[in-house]
Amino acid sequence: MGATGQRRLSSLPAAAAAPLLLLLVVSSWSQAAAAAPVWTTALEKHVAFFDTDNDGIVSFSETEQGLRAIGLGAIEAAASATLINGAIGPKTRPENATTSRFDIYIANIHKGIHGSDSGSYDAQGRFVPAKFNDIFAKYAKVKPNALNEDELGEMRTANRKEGDFKGWAASKAEWGMLYSLAKDKDGFLQKDTARSVYDGSLFAKLAKKAASSGN
């Protein structure tokens, strides 16, 4: 704002100047929000929860802070962030990138899909309802539309590809974390809860729950 504009603003009555300042702040925030990336696939939305500065890149610290926000302890969050960003970052890194190799580029997140999983994401990171429904149709035996810890283990074992040790480990870590954070009071992971992790909407709910409990 130039000197003339400042003089004009200072000459306004306080009752008029305050709403004008508020309008300027809201306008600036709207422009910043509009500049945030728009993600289309479920996998992109899943990862975008951790991109707190909306620059399209999830740094190690953002992953760690996000994991803390959804309920993990400090040590577990740091260890998990190291594994996640260490494994996925190099796979999503553009050739001309100059940032840390631990940075995850959301636009390329589909390149970080591991093997030995349920197939609920396709090769582009889109959600595949039929594959997701198969999980519960095949393995939810004690209760319909819910999995206990043993059933989750059976599902992971059935999805293992021969020799894909990294995929086995990644699947175990992901489902183990989800079960630990989102199981109900009876020890079951409900289908609707599991579904919401695929587009990241579960993370906001877990963060709200953790905040309300003081974690």
C-alpha atoms as a PDB file:
ATOM      1  CA  MET A   1       0.000   0.000   0.000  1.00  0.00           C
ATOM      2  CA  GLY A   2       1.459   3.413  -0.995  1.00  0.00           C
ATOM      3  CA  ALA A   3       1.741   6.545   1.126  1.00  0.00           C
ATOM      4  CA  THR A   4      -1.488   7.989  -0.322  1.00  0.00           C
ATOM      5  CA  GLY A   5      -3.384   4.805   0.517  1.00  0.00           C
ATOM      6  CA  GLN A   6      -1.977   4.813   4.032  1.00  0.00           C
ATOM      7  CA  ARG A   7      -3.081   8.437   4.560  1.00  0.00           C
ATOM      8  CA  ARG A   8      -6.553   7.600   3.288  1.00  0.00           C
ATOM      9  CA  LEU A   9      -6.827   4.573   5.568  1.00  0.00           C
ATOM     10  CA  SER A  10      -5.564   6.518   8.594  1.00  0.00           C
ATOM     11  CA  SER A  11      -8.140   9.223   7.952  1.00  0.00           C
ATOM     12  CA  LEU A  12     -11.019   6.754   8.086  1.00  0.00           C
ATOM     13  CA  PRO A  13     -13.030   6.533  11.285  1.00  0.00           C
ATOM     14  CA  ALA A  14     -12.075   3.502  13.405  1.00  0.00           C
ATOM     15  CA  ALA A  15     -15.478   1.914  12.776  1.00  0.00           C
ATOM     16  CA  ALA A  16     -14.847   1.970   9.032  1.00  0.00           C
ATOM     17  CA  ALA A  17     -11.137   1.132   9.083  1.00  0.00           C
ATOM     18  CA  ALA A  18     -11.516  -2.124  11.032  1.00  0.00           C
ATOM     19  CA  PRO A  19     -13.882  -3.796   8.523  1.00  0.00           C
ATOM     20  CA  LEU A  20     -11.624  -2.648   5.679  1.00  0.00           C
ATOM     21  CA  LEU A  21      -8.589  -4.240   7.322  1.00  0.00           C
ATOM     22  CA  LEU A  22     -10.572  -7.428   7.878  1.00  0.00           C
ATOM     23  CA  LEU A  23     -11.546  -7.445   4.212  1.00  0.00           C
ATOM     24  CA  LEU A  24      -7.891  -7.118   3.196  1.00  0.00           C
ATOM     25  CA  VAL A  25      -6.894 -10.024   5.457  1.00  0.00           C
ATOM     26  CA  VAL A  26      -9.698 -12.258   4.179  1.00  0.00           C
ATOM     27  CA  SER A  27      -8.843 -11.379   0.591  1.00  0.00           C
ATOM     28  CA  SER A  28      -5.177 -12.284   1.122  1.00  0.00           C
ATOM     29  CA  TRP A  29      -6.105 -15.588   2.802  1.00  0.00           C
ATOM     30  CA  SER A  30      -8.484 -16.479  -0.042  1.00  0.00           C
ATOM     31  CA  GLN A  31      -5.769 -15.883  -2.624  1.00  0.00           C
ATOM     32  CA  ALA A  32      -3.361 -18.108  -0.673  1.00  0.00           C
ATOM     33  CA  ALA A  33      -5.959 -20.843  -0.299  1.00  0.00           C
ATOM     34  CA  ALA A  34      -6.753 -20.700  -3.996  1.00  0.00           C
ATOM     35  CA  ALA A  35      -3.085 -21.298  -4.775  1.00  0.00           C
ATOM     36  CA  ALA A  36      -3.038 -24.618  -2.888  1.00  0.00           C
ATOM     37  CA  PRO A  37      -2.718 -27.684  -5.145  1.00  0.00           C
ATOM     38  CA  VAL A  38      -5.903 -29.515  -6.095  1.00  0.00           C
ATOM     39  CA  TRP A  39      -5.441 -33.270  -5.819  1.00  0.00           C
ATOM     40  CA  THR A  40      -7.666 -35.640  -7.760  1.00  0.00           C
ATOM     41  CA  THR A  41      -6.771 -39.237  -6.913  1.00  0.00           C
ATOM     42  CA  ALA A  42      -7.547 -40.884  -3.589  1.00  0.00           C
ATOM     43  CA  LEU A  43      -3.865 -41.575  -2.972  1.00  0.00           C
ATOM     44  CA  GLU A  44      -2.926 -37.933  -3.544  1.00  0.00           C
ATOM     45  CA  LYS A  45      -5.615 -36.849  -1.077  1.00  0.00           C
ATOM     46  CA  HIS A  46      -4.423 -39.500   1.366  1.00  0.00           C
ATOM     47  CA  VAL A  47      -0.912 -38.010   1.403  1.00  0.00           C
ATOM     48  CA  ALA A  48      -2.006 -34.355   1.195  1.00  0.00           C
ATOM     49  CA  PHE A  49      -3.089 -34.374   4.849  1.00  0.00           C
ATOM     50  CA  PHE A  50       0.599 -34.233   5.761  1.00  0.00           C
ATOM     51  CA  ASP A  51       1.405 -31.348   3.369  1.00  0.00           C
ATOM     52  CA  THR A  52       0.791 -28.611   5.913  1.00  0.00           C
ATOM     53  CA  ASP A  53       2.228 -25.769   3.815  1.00  0.00           C
ATOM     54  CA  ASN A  54       0.400 -26.849   0.633  1.00  0.00           C
ATOM     55  CA  ASP A  55       3.517 -26.803  -1.533  1.00  0.00           C
ATOM     56  CA  GLY A  56       2.929 -30.266  -2.988  1.00  0.00           C
ATOM     57  CA  ILE A  57       5.861 -31.734  -1.075  1.00  0.00           C
ATOM     58  CA  VAL A  58       5.737 -33.682   2.192  1.00  0.00           C
ATOM     59  CA  SER A  59       8.984 -33.276   4.089  1.00  0.00           C
ATOM     60  CA  PHE A  60      10.261 -35.593   6.794  1.00  0.00           C
ATOM     61  CA  SER A  61       9.264 -33.083   9.481  1.00  0.00           C
ATOM     62  CA  GLU A  62       5.752 -32.747   8.051  1.00  0.00           C
ATOM     63  CA  THR A  63       5.307 -36.522   8.091  1.00  0.00           C
ATOM     64  CA  GLU A  64       6.605 -36.730  11.646  1.00  0.00           C
ATOM     65  CA  GLN A  65       4.376 -33.886  12.844  1.00  0.00           C
ATOM     66  CA  GLY A  66       1.366 -35.357  11.044  1.00  0.00           C
ATOM     67  CA  LEU A  67       1.899 -38.742  12.656  1.00  0.00           C
ATOM     68  CA  ARG A  68       2.177 -37.085  16.048  1.00  0.00           C
ATOM     69  CA  ALA A  69      -1.057 -35.217  15.326  1.00  0.00           C
ATOM     70  CA  ILE A  70      -3.022 -38.404  14.628  1.00  0.00           C
ATOM     71  CA  GLY A  71      -1.909 -40.039  17.857  1.00  0.00           C
ATOM     72  CA  LEU A  72       1.557 -41.604  17.536  1.00  0.00           C
ATOM     73  CA  GLY A  73       4.157 -41.044  20.230  1.00  0.00           C
ATOM     74  CA  ALA A  74       7.325 -39.098  19.540  1.00  0.00           C
ATOM     75  CA  ILE A  75       9.624 -42.088  19.079  1.00  0.00           C
ATOM     76  CA  GLU A  76       7.172 -44.061  16.944  1.00  0.00           C
ATOM     77  CA  ALA A  77       6.389 -41.003  14.806  1.00  0.00           C
ATOM     78  CA  ALA A  78      10.073 -40.309  14.153  1.00  0.00           C
ATOM     79  CA  ALA A  79      10.792 -43.945  13.293  1.00  0.00           C
ATOM     80  CA  SER A  80       7.731 -44.220  11.032  1.00  0.00           C
ATOM     81  CA  ALA A  81       8.533 -40.940   9.255  1.00  0.00           C
ATOM     82  CA  THR A  82      12.061 -42.183   8.604  1.00  0.00           C
ATOM     83  CA  LEU A  83      10.733 -45.382   7.024  1.00  0.00           C
ATOM     84  CA  ILE A  84       7.954 -43.672   5.062  1.00  0.00           C
ATOM     85  CA  ASN A  85       9.939 -40.776   3.624  1.00  0.00           C
ATOM     86  CA  GLY A  86      13.065 -42.862   3.215  1.00  0.00           C
ATOM     87  CA  ALA A  87      11.201 -45.452   1.129  1.00  0.00           C
ATOM     88  CA  ILE A  88       8.818 -43.230  -0.830  1.00  0.00           C
ATOM     89  CA  GLY A  89      10.780 -39.996  -1.218  1.00  0.00           C
ATOM     90  CA  PRO A  90      13.349 -41.267  -3.764  1.00  0.00           C
ATOM     91  CA  LYS A  91      10.614 -42.953  -5.817  1.00  0.00           C
ATOM     92  CA  THR A  92       8.600 -39.745  -6.191  1.00  0.00           C
ATOM     93  CA  ARG A  93      11.532 -37.374  -6.648  1.00  0.00           C
ATOM     94  CA  PRO A  94      11.670 -35.563 -10.026  1.00  0.00           C
ATOM     95  CA  GLU A  95      14.965 -35.819 -11.896  1.00  0.00           C
ATOM     96  CA  ASN A  96      15.668 -32.090 -11.589  1.00  0.00           C
ATOM     97  CA  ALA A  97      14.763 -31.845  -7.893  1.00  0.00           C
ATOM     98  CA  THR A  98      17.221 -30.104  -5.585  1.00  0.00           C
ATOM     99  CA  THR A  99      15.442 -30.751  -2.298  1.00  0.00           C
ATOM    100  CA  SER A 100      16.051 -33.533   0.213  1.00  0.00           C
ATOM    101  CA  ARG A 101      15.745 -37.112  -1.001  1.00  0.00           C
ATOM    102  CA  PHE A 102      13.431 -37.623   1.958  1.00  0.00           C
ATOM    103  CA  ASP A 103      10.852 -35.265   0.433  1.00  0.00           C
ATOM    104  CA  ILE A 104       7.736 -36.914  -0.994  1.00  0.00           C
ATOM    105  CA  TYR A 105       6.321 -35.276  -4.137  1.00  0.00           C
ATOM    106  CA  ILE A 106       2.555 -35.742  -4.055  1.00  0.00           C
ATOM    107  CA  ALA A 107       2.124 -35.449  -7.830  1.00  0.00           C
ATOM    108  CA  ASN A 108       4.281 -38.573  -8.198  1.00  0.00           C
ATOM    109  CA  ILE A 109       2.949 -40.479  -5.193  1.00  0.00           C
ATOM    110  CA  HIS A 110       1.583 -43.271  -7.398  1.00  0.00           C
ATOM    111  CA  LYS A 111       5.206 -44.210  -8.090  1.00  0.00           C
ATOM    112  CA  GLY A 112       5.552 -45.083  -4.430  1.00  0.00           C
ATOM    113  CA  ILE A 113       2.857 -47.785  -4.402  1.00  0.00           C
ATOM    114  CA  HIS A 114       4.347 -50.978  -3.017  1.00  0.00           C
ATOM    115  CA  GLY A 115       3.571 -54.584  -3.854  1.00  0.00           C
ATOM    116  CA  SER A 116       1.875 -57.229  -1.729  1.00  0.00           C
ATOM    117  CA  ASP A 117      -1.043 -54.944  -0.974  1.00  0.00           C
ATOM    118  CA  SER A 118      -4.811 -55.272  -1.427  1.00  0.00           C
ATOM    119  CA  GLY A 119      -4.947 -53.542  -4.820  1.00  0.00           C
ATOM    120  CA  SER A 120      -7.395 -50.963  -3.462  1.00  0.00           C
ATOM    121  CA  TYR A 121      -5.314 -48.322  -5.255  1.00  0.00           C
ATOM    122  CA  ASP A 122      -4.711 -48.798  -8.963  1.00  0.00           C
ATOM    123  CA  ALA A 123      -1.416 -47.925 -10.673  1.00  0.00           C
ATOM    124  CA  GLN A 124      -2.427 -44.232 -10.883  1.00  0.00           C
ATOM    125  CA  GLY A 125      -3.464 -44.040  -7.220  1.00  0.00           C
ATOM    126  CA  ARG A 126      -7.208 -44.148  -7.853  1.00  0.00           C
ATOM    127  CA  PHE A 127      -9.421 -45.967  -5.366  1.00  0.00           C
ATOM    128  CA  VAL A 128     -10.775 -49.340  -6.553  1.00  0.00           C
ATOM    129  CA  PRO A 129     -14.003 -50.100  -4.638  1.00  0.00           C
ATOM    130  CA  ALA A 130     -14.242 -53.723  -5.796  1.00  0.00           C
ATOM    131  CA  LYS A 131     -10.785 -54.574  -4.442  1.00  0.00           C
ATOM    132  CA  PHE A 132     -11.525 -52.841  -1.158  1.00  0.00           C
ATOM    133  CA  ASN A 133     -14.856 -54.645  -0.761  1.00  0.00           C
ATOM    134  CA  ASP A 134     -13.087 -57.958  -1.383  1.00  0.00           C
ATOM    135  CA  ILE A 135     -11.034 -57.442   1.769  1.00  0.00           C
ATOM    136  CA  PHE A 136     -14.109 -57.640   3.959  1.00  0.00           C
ATOM    137  CA  ALA A 137     -15.977 -60.162   1.837  1.00  0.00           C
ATOM    138  CA  LYS A 138     -13.089 -62.621   2.152  1.00  0.00           C
ATOM    139  CA  TYR A 139     -11.692 -61.986   5.616  1.00  0.00           C
ATOM    140  CA  ALA A 140     -14.415 -60.476   7.844  1.00  0.00           C
ATOM    141  CA  LYS A 141     -15.550 -63.757   9.382  1.00  0.00           C
ATOM    142  CA  VAL A 142     -16.296 -62.935  13.014  1.00  0.00           C
ATOM    143  CA  LYS A 143     -18.276 -59.786  12.287  1.00  0.00           C
ATOM    144  CA  PRO A 144     -19.599 -58.541   8.938  1.00  0.00           C
ATOM    145  CA  ASN A 145     -17.888 -55.394   7.670  1.00  0.00           C
ATOM    146  CA  ALA A 146     -15.205 -55.441  10.370  1.00  0.00           C
ATOM    147  CA  LEU A 147     -11.803 -57.078  10.814  1.00  0.00           C
ATOM    148  CA  ASN A 148     -10.053 -58.153  13.979  1.00  0.00           C
ATOM    149  CA  GLU A 149      -6.277 -58.345  14.301  1.00  0.00           C
ATOM    150  CA  ASP A 150      -6.049 -62.001  13.273  1.00  0.00           C
ATOM    151  CA  GLU A 151      -8.185 -61.418  10.181  1.00  0.00           C
ATOM    152  CA  LEU A 152      -5.998 -58.476   9.168  1.00  0.00           C
ATOM    153  CA  GLY A 153      -2.963 -60.745   9.480  1.00  0.00           C
ATOM    154  CA  GLU A 154      -4.632 -63.372   7.324  1.00  0.00           C
ATOM    155  CA  MET A 155      -5.419 -60.772   4.682  1.00  0.00           C
ATOM    156  CA  ARG A 156      -1.852 -59.465   4.608  1.00  0.00           C
ATOM    157  CA  THR A 157      -0.436 -62.976   4.331  1.00  0.00           C
ATOM    158  CA  ALA A 158      -2.755 -63.812   1.442  1.00  0.00           C
ATOM    159  CA  ASN A 159      -1.631 -60.697  -0.447  1.00  0.00           C
ATOM    160  CA  ARG A 160       2.083 -61.438  -0.190  1.00  0.00           C
ATOM    161  CA  LYS A 161       3.993 -61.718  -3.439  1.00  0.00           C
ATOM    162  CA  GLU A 162       6.872 -64.169  -3.423  1.00  0.00           C
ATOM    163  CA  GLY A 163      10.155 -62.517  -2.513  1.00  0.00           C
ATOM    164  CA  ASP A 164       8.596 -59.080  -2.044  1.00  0.00           C
ATOM    165  CA  PHE A 165      10.030 -58.520   1.417  1.00  0.00           C
ATOM    166  CA  LYS A 166       9.762 -54.725   1.234  1.00  0.00           C
ATOM    167  CA  GLY A 167       6.106 -55.004   0.248  1.00  0.00           C
ATOM    168  CA  TRP A 168       5.420 -57.398   3.123  1.00  0.00           C
ATOM    169  CA  ALA A 169       7.037 -55.022   5.595  1.00  0.00           C
ATOM    170  CA  ALA A 170       5.238 -51.968   4.218  1.00  0.00           C
ATOM    171  CA  SER A 171       1.854 -53.700   4.300  1.00  0.00           C
ATOM    172  CA  LYS A 172       2.377 -54.887   7.861  1.00  0.00           C
ATOM    173  CA  ALA A 173       3.432 -51.411   9.008  1.00  0.00           C
ATOM    174  CA  GLU A 174       0.535 -49.636   7.299  1.00  0.00           C
ATOM    175  CA  TRP A 175      -2.239 -51.963   8.432  1.00  0.00           C
ATOM    176  CA  GLY A 176      -0.685 -52.302  11.876  1.00  0.00           C
ATOM    177  CA  MET A 177      -0.651 -48.545  12.353  1.00  0.00           C
ATOM    178  CA  LEU A 178      -4.211 -48.199  11.068  1.00  0.00           C
ATOM    179  CA  TYR A 179      -5.469 -50.951  13.355  1.00  0.00           C
ATOM    180  CA  SER A 180      -3.669 -49.505  16.378  1.00  0.00           C
ATOM    181  CA  LEU A 181      -5.075 -46.010  15.856  1.00  0.00           C
ATOM    182  CA  ALA A 182      -8.550 -46.745  14.522  1.00  0.00           C
ATOM    183  CA  LYS A 183      -9.815 -50.023  16.011  1.00  0.00           C
ATOM    184  CA  ASP A 184     -13.034 -49.813  18.002  1.00  0.00           C
ATOM    185  CA  LYS A 185     -13.450 -50.668  21.684  1.00  0.00           C
ATOM    186  CA  ASP A 186     -14.022 -54.340  20.808  1.00  0.00           C
ATOM    187  CA  GLY A 187     -10.798 -54.598  18.805  1.00  0.00           C
ATOM    188  CA  PHE A 188     -12.327 -54.441  15.328  1.00  0.00           C
ATOM    189  CA  LEU A 189     -11.408 -52.218  12.396  1.00  0.00           C
ATOM    190  CA  GLN A 190     -14.720 -51.187  10.891  1.00  0.00           C
ATOM    191  CA  LYS A 191     -15.124 -51.119   7.112  1.00  0.00           C
ATOM    192  CA  ASP A 192     -16.253 -47.478   7.009  1.00  0.00           C
ATOM    193  CA  THR A 193     -13.229 -46.496   9.087  1.00  0.00           C
ATOM    194  CA  ALA A 194     -10.828 -48.365   6.826  1.00  0.00           C
ATOM    195  CA  ARG A 195     -12.466 -46.824   3.758  1.00  0.00           C
ATOM    196  CA  SER A 196     -11.857 -43.311   5.051  1.00  0.00           C
ATOM    197  CA  VAL A 197      -8.097 -43.809   5.261  1.00  0.00           C
ATOM    198  CA  TYR A 198      -7.826 -44.230   1.501  1.00  0.00           C
ATOM    199  CA  ASP A 199      -8.636 -40.586   0.773  1.00  0.00           C
ATOM    200  CA  GLY A 200      -7.062 -39.300   3.981  1.00  0.00           C
ATOM    201  CA  SER A 201     -10.328 -38.159   5.580  1.00  0.00           C
ATOM    202  CA  LEU A 202      -9.675 -40.438   8.548  1.00  0.00           C
ATOM    203  CA  PHE A 203      -6.543 -38.480   9.461  1.00  0.00           C
ATOM    204  CA  ALA A 204      -8.461 -35.309  10.264  1.00  0.00           C
ATOM    205  CA  LYS A 205     -10.798 -37.291  12.531  1.00  0.00           C
ATOM    206  CA  LEU A 206      -7.896 -38.958  14.328  1.00  0.00           C
ATOM    207  CA  ALA A 207      -6.135 -35.609  14.768  1.00  0.00           C
ATOM    208  CA  LYS A 208      -9.282 -34.095  16.272  1.00  0.00           C
ATOM    209  CA  LYS A 209      -9.655 -37.082  18.600  1.00  0.00           C
ATOM    210  CA  ALA A 210      -6.003 -36.910  19.679  1.00  0.00           C
ATOM    211  CA  ALA A 211      -6.240 -33.164  20.291  1.00  0.00           C
ATOM    212  CA  SER A 212      -9.382 -33.519  22.399  1.00  0.00           C
ATOM    213  CA  SER A 213      -7.756 -36.204  24.514  1.00  0.00           C
ATOM    214  CA  GLY A 214      -4.675 -34.075  25.091  1.00  0.00           C
ATOM    215  CA  ASN A 215      -2.254 -36.383  23.241  1.00  0.00           C
END
